[in-house]
C-alpha atoms as a PDB file:
ATOM      1  CA  ASP A   1      41.580 -44.304 -74.696  1.00  0.00           C
ATOM      2  CA  ALA A   2      39.350 -41.314 -75.371  1.00  0.00           C
ATOM      3  CA  LEU A   3      36.315 -43.441 -74.478  1.00  0.00           C
ATOM      4  CA  SER A   4      37.804 -44.727 -71.226  1.00  0.00           C
ATOM      5  CA  PRO A   5      36.294 -41.992 -68.984  1.00  0.00           C
ATOM      6  CA  PHE A   6      32.865 -42.481 -70.612  1.00  0.00           C
ATOM      7  CA  LEU A   7      33.002 -46.266 -70.136  1.00  0.00           C
ATOM      8  CA  SER A   8      34.013 -45.772 -66.500  1.00  0.00           C
ATOM      9  CA  ILE A   9      30.995 -43.553 -65.933  1.00  0.00           C
ATOM     10  CA  LEU A  10      28.668 -46.177 -67.469  1.00  0.00           C
ATOM     11  CA  GLU A  11      30.233 -48.929 -65.384  1.00  0.00           C
ATOM     12  CA  GLY A  12      29.825 -46.876 -62.219  1.00  0.00           C
ATOM     13  CA  ALA A  13      26.229 -45.932 -63.011  1.00  0.00           C
ATOM     14  CA  ALA A  14      25.155 -49.524 -63.636  1.00  0.00           C
ATOM     15  CA  GLN A  15      26.912 -50.688 -60.468  1.00  0.00           C
ATOM     16  CA  THR A  16      25.298 -47.885 -58.461  1.00  0.00           C
ATOM     17  CA  PHE A  17      21.781 -48.802 -59.672  1.00  0.00           C
ATOM     18  CA  TYR A  18      22.366 -52.495 -59.022  1.00  0.00           C
ATOM     19  CA  GLU A  19      23.773 -51.997 -55.515  1.00  0.00           C
ATOM     20  CA  CYS A  20      21.483 -49.140 -54.450  1.00  0.00           C
ATOM     21  CA  ASN A  21      19.997 -49.674 -50.994  1.00  0.00           C
ATOM     22  CA  LEU A  22      16.740 -48.073 -52.112  1.00  0.00           C
ATOM     23  CA  PRO A  23      14.367 -49.541 -54.702  1.00  0.00           C
ATOM     24  CA  THR A  24      15.129 -48.348 -58.229  1.00  0.00           C
ATOM     25  CA  ILE A  25      12.550 -48.029 -60.994  1.00  0.00           C
ATOM     26  CA  CYS A  26      13.375 -47.604 -64.658  1.00  0.00           C
ATOM     27  CA  LEU A  27      10.791 -46.276 -67.070  1.00  0.00           C
ATOM     28  CA  LEU A  28      11.482 -47.175 -70.689  1.00  0.00           C
ATOM     29  CA  ASP A  29       9.911 -45.545 -73.720  1.00  0.00           C
ATOM     30  CA  GLY A  30      11.046 -45.664 -77.324  1.00  0.00           C
ATOM     31  CA  ILE A  31      14.449 -46.988 -78.393  1.00  0.00           C
ATOM     32  CA  VAL A  32      16.706 -48.331 -75.630  1.00  0.00           C
ATOM     33  CA  ALA A  33      20.114 -49.124 -77.091  1.00  0.00           C
ATOM     34  CA  GLY A  34      23.601 -50.151 -76.065  1.00  0.00           C
ATOM     35  CA  ALA A  35      24.513 -49.087 -72.559  1.00  0.00           C
ATOM     36  CA  GLY A  36      20.922 -48.005 -71.949  1.00  0.00           C
ATOM     37  CA  ILE A  37      20.008 -51.689 -71.829  1.00  0.00           C
ATOM     38  CA  GLY A  38      22.516 -52.410 -69.062  1.00  0.00           C
ATOM     39  CA  LEU A  39      21.447 -49.365 -67.070  1.00  0.00           C
ATOM     40  CA  ALA A  40      17.780 -50.364 -67.372  1.00  0.00           C
ATOM     41  CA  LEU A  41      18.464 -53.980 -66.370  1.00  0.00           C
ATOM     42  CA  ALA A  42      20.269 -52.792 -63.238  1.00  0.00           C
ATOM     43  CA  ALA A  43      17.011 -51.317 -61.899  1.00  0.00           C
ATOM     44  CA  ASP A  44      14.831 -53.334 -59.526  1.00  0.00           C
ATOM     45  CA  ILE A  45      11.624 -52.599 -61.434  1.00  0.00           C
ATOM     46  CA  ARG A  46      11.381 -51.940 -65.172  1.00  0.00           C
ATOM     47  CA  ILE A  47       8.191 -50.494 -66.669  1.00  0.00           C
ATOM     48  CA  ALA A  48       8.155 -50.226 -70.450  1.00  0.00           C
ATOM     49  CA  SER A  49       5.761 -48.354 -72.669  1.00  0.00           C
ATOM     50  CA  ASP A  50       4.272 -50.284 -75.543  1.00  0.00           C
ATOM     51  CA  ALA A  51       6.551 -48.247 -77.825  1.00  0.00           C
ATOM     52  CA  THR A  52       9.744 -49.595 -76.227  1.00  0.00           C
ATOM     53  CA  ARG A  53      12.261 -51.424 -78.394  1.00  0.00           C
ATOM     54  CA  CYS A  54      15.612 -52.643 -77.076  1.00  0.00           C
ATOM     55  CA  HIS A  55      18.495 -53.012 -79.500  1.00  0.00           C
ATOM     56  CA  PHE A  56      22.139 -53.773 -78.820  1.00  0.00           C
ATOM     57  CA  ALA A  57      23.114 -52.115 -82.109  1.00  0.00           C
ATOM     58  CA  PHE A  58      26.800 -52.845 -81.598  1.00  0.00           C
ATOM     59  CA  PRO A  59      27.389 -56.531 -82.463  1.00  0.00           C
ATOM     60  CA  THR A  60      28.059 -55.725 -86.120  1.00  0.00           C
ATOM     61  CA  LEU A  61      30.491 -53.004 -85.046  1.00  0.00           C
ATOM     62  CA  GLY A  62      32.572 -55.494 -83.110  1.00  0.00           C
ATOM     63  CA  ALA A  63      31.770 -53.869 -79.770  1.00  0.00           C
ATOM     64  CA  ILE A  64      30.548 -55.837 -76.769  1.00  0.00           C
ATOM     65  CA  PRO A  65      27.655 -55.521 -74.303  1.00  0.00           C
ATOM     66  CA  ASP A  66      28.477 -52.924 -71.663  1.00  0.00           C
ATOM     67  CA  ALA A  67      27.109 -51.112 -68.604  1.00  0.00           C
ATOM     68  CA  GLY A  68      26.539 -54.437 -66.880  1.00  0.00           C
ATOM     69  CA  SER A  69      24.392 -55.981 -69.622  1.00  0.00           C
ATOM     70  CA  SER A  70      26.690 -59.003 -70.080  1.00  0.00           C
ATOM     71  CA  TYR A  71      26.222 -59.724 -66.366  1.00  0.00           C
ATOM     72  CA  LEU A  72      22.539 -58.908 -65.962  1.00  0.00           C
ATOM     73  CA  LEU A  73      20.958 -60.006 -69.220  1.00  0.00           C
ATOM     74  CA  PRO A  74      21.764 -63.755 -68.902  1.00  0.00           C
ATOM     75  CA  ARG A  75      20.595 -63.705 -65.287  1.00  0.00           C
ATOM     76  CA  ILE A  76      17.309 -62.048 -66.209  1.00  0.00           C
ATOM     77  CA  ILE A  77      16.380 -63.711 -69.513  1.00  0.00           C
ATOM     78  CA  GLY A  78      18.733 -66.695 -69.531  1.00  0.00           C
ATOM     79  CA  TYR A  79      21.992 -67.384 -71.317  1.00  0.00           C
ATOM     80  CA  HIS A  80      20.492 -68.689 -74.558  1.00  0.00           C
ATOM     81  CA  ARG A  81      18.045 -65.838 -74.990  1.00  0.00           C
ATOM     82  CA  ALA A  82      20.821 -63.354 -74.256  1.00  0.00           C
ATOM     83  CA  MET A  83      22.924 -64.999 -76.953  1.00  0.00           C
ATOM     84  CA  GLU A  84      19.977 -64.961 -79.368  1.00  0.00           C
ATOM     85  CA  PHE A  85      19.465 -61.250 -78.704  1.00  0.00           C
ATOM     86  CA  TYR A  86      23.156 -60.533 -79.321  1.00  0.00           C
ATOM     87  CA  ILE A  87      23.709 -62.790 -82.347  1.00  0.00           C
ATOM     88  CA  SER A  88      20.470 -61.881 -84.144  1.00  0.00           C
ATOM     89  CA  ASN A  89      21.132 -58.179 -83.596  1.00  0.00           C
ATOM     90  CA  GLU A  90      17.367 -57.694 -83.875  1.00  0.00           C
ATOM     91  CA  PRO A  91      15.421 -55.343 -81.611  1.00  0.00           C
ATOM     92  CA  ILE A  92      13.239 -56.778 -78.871  1.00  0.00           C
ATOM     93  CA  ASP A  93       9.870 -55.081 -78.693  1.00  0.00           C
ATOM     94  CA  ALA A  94       7.909 -54.487 -75.495  1.00  0.00           C
ATOM     95  CA  VAL A  95       5.764 -57.623 -75.834  1.00  0.00           C
ATOM     96  CA  LYS A  96       8.747 -59.932 -76.326  1.00  0.00           C
ATOM     97  CA  GLY A  97      10.697 -58.127 -73.600  1.00  0.00           C
ATOM     98  CA  LEU A  98       7.829 -58.730 -71.178  1.00  0.00           C
ATOM     99  CA  ALA A  99       7.564 -62.397 -72.150  1.00  0.00           C
ATOM    100  CA  TRP A 100      11.325 -62.818 -71.681  1.00  0.00           C
ATOM    101  CA  GLY A 101      11.322 -61.088 -68.288  1.00  0.00           C
ATOM    102  CA  MET A 102      13.203 -57.942 -69.298  1.00  0.00           C
ATOM    103  CA  PHE A 103      10.281 -55.805 -68.133  1.00  0.00           C
ATOM    104  CA  HIS A 104       7.958 -56.220 -65.196  1.00  0.00           C
ATOM    105  CA  GLU A 105       5.100 -54.692 -67.081  1.00  0.00           C
ATOM    106  CA  VAL A 106       4.249 -53.005 -70.358  1.00  0.00           C
ATOM    107  CA  VAL A 107       1.702 -50.210 -70.507  1.00  0.00           C
ATOM    108  CA  SER A 108       0.572 -47.647 -73.057  1.00  0.00           C
ATOM    109  CA  ARG A 109       2.608 -44.445 -73.055  1.00  0.00           C
ATOM    110  CA  ASP A 110      -0.168 -42.465 -71.399  1.00  0.00           C
ATOM    111  CA  LYS A 111      -0.334 -44.969 -68.494  1.00  0.00           C
ATOM    112  CA  VAL A 112       3.368 -44.852 -67.567  1.00  0.00           C
ATOM    113  CA  PRO A 113       3.002 -42.018 -64.990  1.00  0.00           C
ATOM    114  CA  GLU A 114       0.029 -43.813 -63.417  1.00  0.00           C
ATOM    115  CA  ARG A 115       1.969 -47.092 -63.079  1.00  0.00           C
ATOM    116  CA  LEU A 116       4.948 -45.235 -61.637  1.00  0.00           C
ATOM    117  CA  LYS A 117       2.667 -43.806 -58.953  1.00  0.00           C
ATOM    118  CA  VAL A 118       1.386 -47.317 -58.103  1.00  0.00           C
ATOM    119  CA  TRP A 119       4.953 -48.600 -57.707  1.00  0.00           C
ATOM    120  CA  GLU A 120       5.933 -45.554 -55.638  1.00  0.00           C
ATOM    121  CA  GLU A 121       3.055 -46.308 -53.254  1.00  0.00           C
ATOM    122  CA  LYS A 122       4.188 -49.932 -52.942  1.00  0.00           C
ATOM    123  CA  ILE A 123       7.731 -48.804 -52.209  1.00  0.00           C
ATOM    124  CA  GLU A 124       6.567 -46.313 -49.561  1.00  0.00           C
ATOM    125  CA  ARG A 125       5.115 -49.229 -47.544  1.00  0.00           C
ATOM    126  CA  LEU A 126       8.454 -51.058 -47.440  1.00  0.00           C
ATOM    127  CA  SER A 127      10.937 -51.008 -44.638  1.00  0.00           C
ATOM    128  CA  GLN A 128      14.178 -49.533 -45.995  1.00  0.00           C
ATOM    129  CA  SER A 129      16.290 -51.815 -43.824  1.00  0.00           C
ATOM    130  CA  GLY A 130      14.189 -54.850 -44.792  1.00  0.00           C
ATOM    131  CA  PHE A 131      14.503 -53.960 -48.465  1.00  0.00           C
ATOM    132  CA  LYS A 132      18.273 -53.566 -48.205  1.00  0.00           C
ATOM    133  CA  LEU A 133      18.663 -56.933 -46.483  1.00  0.00           C
ATOM    134  CA  SER A 134      16.333 -58.654 -48.955  1.00  0.00           C
ATOM    135  CA  LYS A 135      18.084 -57.192 -51.995  1.00  0.00           C
ATOM    136  CA  GLU A 136      21.445 -58.354 -50.675  1.00  0.00           C
ATOM    137  CA  LEU A 137      20.028 -61.843 -50.129  1.00  0.00           C
ATOM    138  CA  PHE A 138      18.524 -62.040 -53.619  1.00  0.00           C
ATOM    139  CA  GLN A 139      21.782 -60.901 -55.203  1.00  0.00           C
ATOM    140  CA  LYS A 140      23.925 -63.307 -53.169  1.00  0.00           C
ATOM    141  CA  SER A 141      21.586 -66.210 -53.938  1.00  0.00           C
ATOM    142  CA  LEU A 142      22.908 -66.233 -57.492  1.00  0.00           C
ATOM    143  CA  PHE A 143      26.330 -67.361 -56.321  1.00  0.00           C
ATOM    144  CA  ARG A 144      26.101 -69.366 -53.159  1.00  0.00           C
ATOM    145  CA  PRO A 145      24.780 -72.766 -52.124  1.00  0.00           C
ATOM    146  CA  MET A 146      21.395 -73.057 -50.439  1.00  0.00           C
ATOM    147  CA  ARG A 147      22.872 -73.954 -47.055  1.00  0.00           C
ATOM    148  CA  GLU A 148      24.858 -70.725 -47.054  1.00  0.00           C
ATOM    149  CA  GLN A 149      21.868 -68.752 -48.369  1.00  0.00           C
ATOM    150  CA  VAL A 150      19.543 -70.051 -45.645  1.00  0.00           C
ATOM    151  CA  ARG A 151      22.175 -69.175 -43.051  1.00  0.00           C
ATOM    152  CA  GLY A 152      22.321 -65.669 -44.536  1.00  0.00           C
ATOM    153  CA  GLU A 153      18.536 -65.442 -44.267  1.00  0.00           C
ATOM    154  CA  TYR A 154      18.759 -66.386 -40.596  1.00  0.00           C
ATOM    155  CA  PHE A 155      21.131 -63.537 -39.773  1.00  0.00           C
ATOM    156  CA  ALA A 156      19.284 -61.061 -42.006  1.00  0.00           C
ATOM    157  CA  GLN A 157      15.982 -61.961 -40.326  1.00  0.00           C
ATOM    158  CA  LEU A 158      17.500 -61.364 -36.895  1.00  0.00           C
ATOM    159  CA  ALA A 159      18.699 -57.956 -38.074  1.00  0.00           C
ATOM    160  CA  ALA A 160      15.318 -57.139 -39.653  1.00  0.00           C
ATOM    161  CA  MET A 161      13.466 -58.019 -36.448  1.00  0.00           C
ATOM    162  CA  LYS A 162      15.586 -55.511 -34.539  1.00  0.00           C
ATOM    163  CA  SER A 163      14.566 -52.625 -36.808  1.00  0.00           C
ATOM    164  CA  GLU A 164      12.328 -49.789 -35.713  1.00  0.00           C
ATOM    165  CA  HIS A 165       9.996 -50.478 -38.652  1.00  0.00           C
ATOM    166  CA  PHE A 166       9.471 -54.087 -37.547  1.00  0.00           C
ATOM    167  CA  SER A 167       8.732 -53.049 -33.954  1.00  0.00           C
ATOM    168  CA  GLU A 168       6.243 -50.416 -35.112  1.00  0.00           C
ATOM    169  CA  LYS A 169       4.391 -52.851 -37.405  1.00  0.00           C
ATOM    170  CA  ILE A 170       4.198 -55.528 -34.671  1.00  0.00           C
ATOM    171  CA  ALA A 171       2.828 -52.915 -32.252  1.00  0.00           C
ATOM    172  CA  GLU A 172       0.209 -51.869 -34.855  1.00  0.00           C
ATOM    173  CA  MET A 173      -0.860 -55.487 -35.389  1.00  0.00           C
ATOM    174  CA  THR A 174      -1.085 -56.108 -31.652  1.00  0.00           C
ATOM    175  CA  THR A 175      -3.184 -52.973 -31.157  1.00  0.00           C
ATOM    176  CA  LYS A 176      -5.575 -53.946 -33.971  1.00  0.00           C
ATOM    177  CA  LYS A 177      -5.920 -57.466 -32.575  1.00  0.00           C
ATOM    178  CA  ASP A 178      -6.622 -56.147 -29.061  1.00  0.00           C
ATOM    179  CA  GLU A 179      -9.251 -53.786 -30.498  1.00  0.00           C
ATOM    180  CA  GLY A 180     -10.739 -56.599 -32.606  1.00  0.00           C
ATOM    181  CA  THR A 181     -10.137 -54.745 -35.887  1.00  0.00           C
ATOM    182  CA  GLU A 182      -7.912 -57.030 -37.926  1.00  0.00           C
END
């Protein structure tokens, strides 16, 4: 019971990252263990340094995956790889993590700030409302049939087209086309 408040905090943090209406980026460097894995997987973009190693560390203790890792890991790397990672209790290095889809990219430690800047610039070009709607659609797609998903896209697209961002971008495109500078 002494760990209950700590586990609640981890659960809330992972849920907050996963449901955040803004893009989340996780930078990983060095050892990522236990709950750190779940917190990292909850981010939208994961950039790992070449020194990153993920390790559950707790299977031999009798503890279980936490901070959302039992939910996210099978969805990201597949059920069988998640089970291999857990049962083997062996660390996953950056190269294997990239190949398995745990990371979006792996860079040398000195390049991590540079890659973060690139992703920040990409995020700045996004519509916040469009991102929120898209993230909701991607998350819901894991649990609903295609017919329902396509219907959700229809309503989300209608909402997106009513946003100020959409109107501004259409006006910019129209102006460029009228000026002949596409």
